[in-house]
N, C-alpha and C. Protein backbone atom coordinates (compact mmCIF):
# COMPACT_ATOMS: atom_id res chain seq x y z
N MET A 1 -11.40 -21.86 -20.95
CA MET A 1 -10.02 -22.09 -20.54
C MET A 1 -9.61 -21.11 -19.44
N LYS A 2 -10.00 -19.84 -19.59
CA LYS A 2 -9.64 -18.84 -18.59
C LYS A 2 -10.30 -19.16 -17.25
N ARG A 3 -11.53 -19.63 -17.30
CA ARG A 3 -12.25 -19.95 -16.07
C ARG A 3 -11.57 -21.10 -15.34
N THR A 4 -11.16 -22.12 -16.08
CA THR A 4 -10.48 -23.26 -15.48
C THR A 4 -9.17 -22.84 -14.85
N MET A 5 -8.43 -22.00 -15.53
CA MET A 5 -7.16 -21.52 -15.00
C MET A 5 -7.38 -20.69 -13.74
N ALA A 6 -8.41 -19.87 -13.73
CA ALA A 6 -8.71 -19.06 -12.55
C ALA A 6 -9.06 -19.95 -11.36
N ILE A 7 -9.84 -20.99 -11.60
CA ILE A 7 -10.22 -21.91 -10.52
C ILE A 7 -8.99 -22.62 -9.97
N VAL A 8 -8.11 -23.05 -10.85
CA VAL A 8 -6.89 -23.74 -10.42
C VAL A 8 -6.02 -22.80 -9.60
N LEU A 9 -5.83 -21.59 -10.05
CA LEU A 9 -5.01 -20.63 -9.32
C LEU A 9 -5.62 -20.28 -7.97
N LEU A 10 -6.92 -20.11 -7.93
CA LEU A 10 -7.60 -19.81 -6.68
C LEU A 10 -7.46 -20.97 -5.70
N SER A 11 -7.58 -22.18 -6.20
CA SER A 11 -7.43 -23.37 -5.35
C SER A 11 -6.02 -23.46 -4.78
N LEU A 12 -5.01 -23.23 -5.61
CA LEU A 12 -3.63 -23.27 -5.14
C LEU A 12 -3.37 -22.18 -4.11
N PHE A 13 -3.90 -21.00 -4.36
CA PHE A 13 -3.72 -19.90 -3.42
C PHE A 13 -4.36 -20.23 -2.07
N THR A 14 -5.56 -20.78 -2.11
CA THR A 14 -6.26 -21.15 -0.88
C THR A 14 -5.49 -22.22 -0.11
N LEU A 15 -5.01 -23.22 -0.81
CA LEU A 15 -4.23 -24.27 -0.16
C LEU A 15 -2.95 -23.72 0.46
N SER A 16 -2.30 -22.80 -0.24
CA SER A 16 -1.06 -22.24 0.30
C SER A 16 -1.35 -21.40 1.55
N LEU A 17 -2.49 -20.72 1.58
CA LEU A 17 -2.84 -19.96 2.78
C LEU A 17 -3.12 -20.88 3.95
N LEU A 18 -3.84 -21.96 3.69
CA LEU A 18 -4.19 -22.88 4.77
C LEU A 18 -2.97 -23.61 5.31
N SER A 19 -2.05 -23.94 4.45
CA SER A 19 -0.87 -24.69 4.89
C SER A 19 0.23 -23.78 5.42
N GLY A 20 0.16 -22.51 5.12
CA GLY A 20 1.24 -21.60 5.51
C GLY A 20 0.85 -20.58 6.56
N CYS A 21 -0.08 -20.93 7.45
CA CYS A 21 -0.51 -19.97 8.48
C CYS A 21 0.66 -19.47 9.30
N ASN A 22 1.55 -20.37 9.70
CA ASN A 22 2.70 -19.96 10.51
C ASN A 22 3.60 -19.02 9.73
N THR A 23 3.76 -19.30 8.45
CA THR A 23 4.60 -18.46 7.61
C THR A 23 4.02 -17.06 7.49
N TRP A 24 2.71 -16.98 7.26
CA TRP A 24 2.07 -15.66 7.14
C TRP A 24 2.16 -14.90 8.45
N ARG A 25 2.01 -15.60 9.56
CA ARG A 25 2.12 -14.94 10.86
C ARG A 25 3.53 -14.39 11.03
N GLY A 26 4.53 -15.16 10.62
CA GLY A 26 5.92 -14.72 10.72
C GLY A 26 6.19 -13.49 9.88
N VAL A 27 5.60 -13.45 8.69
CA VAL A 27 5.78 -12.28 7.82
C VAL A 27 5.16 -11.06 8.48
N GLY A 28 3.98 -11.23 9.06
CA GLY A 28 3.33 -10.10 9.75
C GLY A 28 4.16 -9.59 10.90
N GLU A 29 4.74 -10.50 11.66
CA GLU A 29 5.58 -10.09 12.78
C GLU A 29 6.83 -9.37 12.30
N ASP A 30 7.42 -9.83 11.20
CA ASP A 30 8.60 -9.17 10.65
C ASP A 30 8.27 -7.75 10.21
N ILE A 31 7.13 -7.58 9.56
CA ILE A 31 6.72 -6.26 9.09
C ILE A 31 6.48 -5.34 10.29
N GLU A 32 5.84 -5.88 11.32
CA GLU A 32 5.58 -5.10 12.52
C GLU A 32 6.88 -4.66 13.18
N GLN A 33 7.84 -5.56 13.28
CA GLN A 33 9.13 -5.21 13.88
C GLN A 33 9.86 -4.16 13.06
N GLY A 34 9.73 -4.26 11.73
CA GLY A 34 10.34 -3.25 10.87
C GLY A 34 9.72 -1.88 11.09
N GLY A 35 8.41 -1.84 11.23
CA GLY A 35 7.72 -0.57 11.50
C GLY A 35 8.13 0.02 12.83
N GLU A 36 8.26 -0.84 13.84
CA GLU A 36 8.68 -0.36 15.16
C GLU A 36 10.11 0.20 15.11
N ALA A 37 10.98 -0.45 14.34
CA ALA A 37 12.35 0.05 14.22
C ALA A 37 12.37 1.41 13.55
N ILE A 38 11.52 1.60 12.57
CA ILE A 38 11.45 2.92 11.90
C ILE A 38 10.95 3.98 12.87
N GLN A 39 9.94 3.62 13.67
CA GLN A 39 9.42 4.57 14.65
C GLN A 39 10.50 4.95 15.67
N ARG A 40 11.27 3.97 16.12
CA ARG A 40 12.33 4.26 17.10
C ARG A 40 13.40 5.16 16.48
N SER A 41 13.69 4.95 15.21
CA SER A 41 14.75 5.74 14.58
C SER A 41 14.33 7.20 14.38
N THR A 42 13.04 7.45 14.32
CA THR A 42 12.58 8.84 14.11
C THR A 42 12.43 9.59 15.43
N ASP A 43 12.51 8.88 16.56
CA ASP A 43 12.36 9.53 17.88
C ASP A 43 13.59 10.30 18.26
């Protein structure tokens, strides 16, 4: 049962990554902009 559940979860995770490439890219850009804002505030 645990193995089946792990396979299902892994499959869903993989599908969400493949279908959400633009979303993940957007999250990365948001994090990068947040880091740059922190760097500017410390200057």
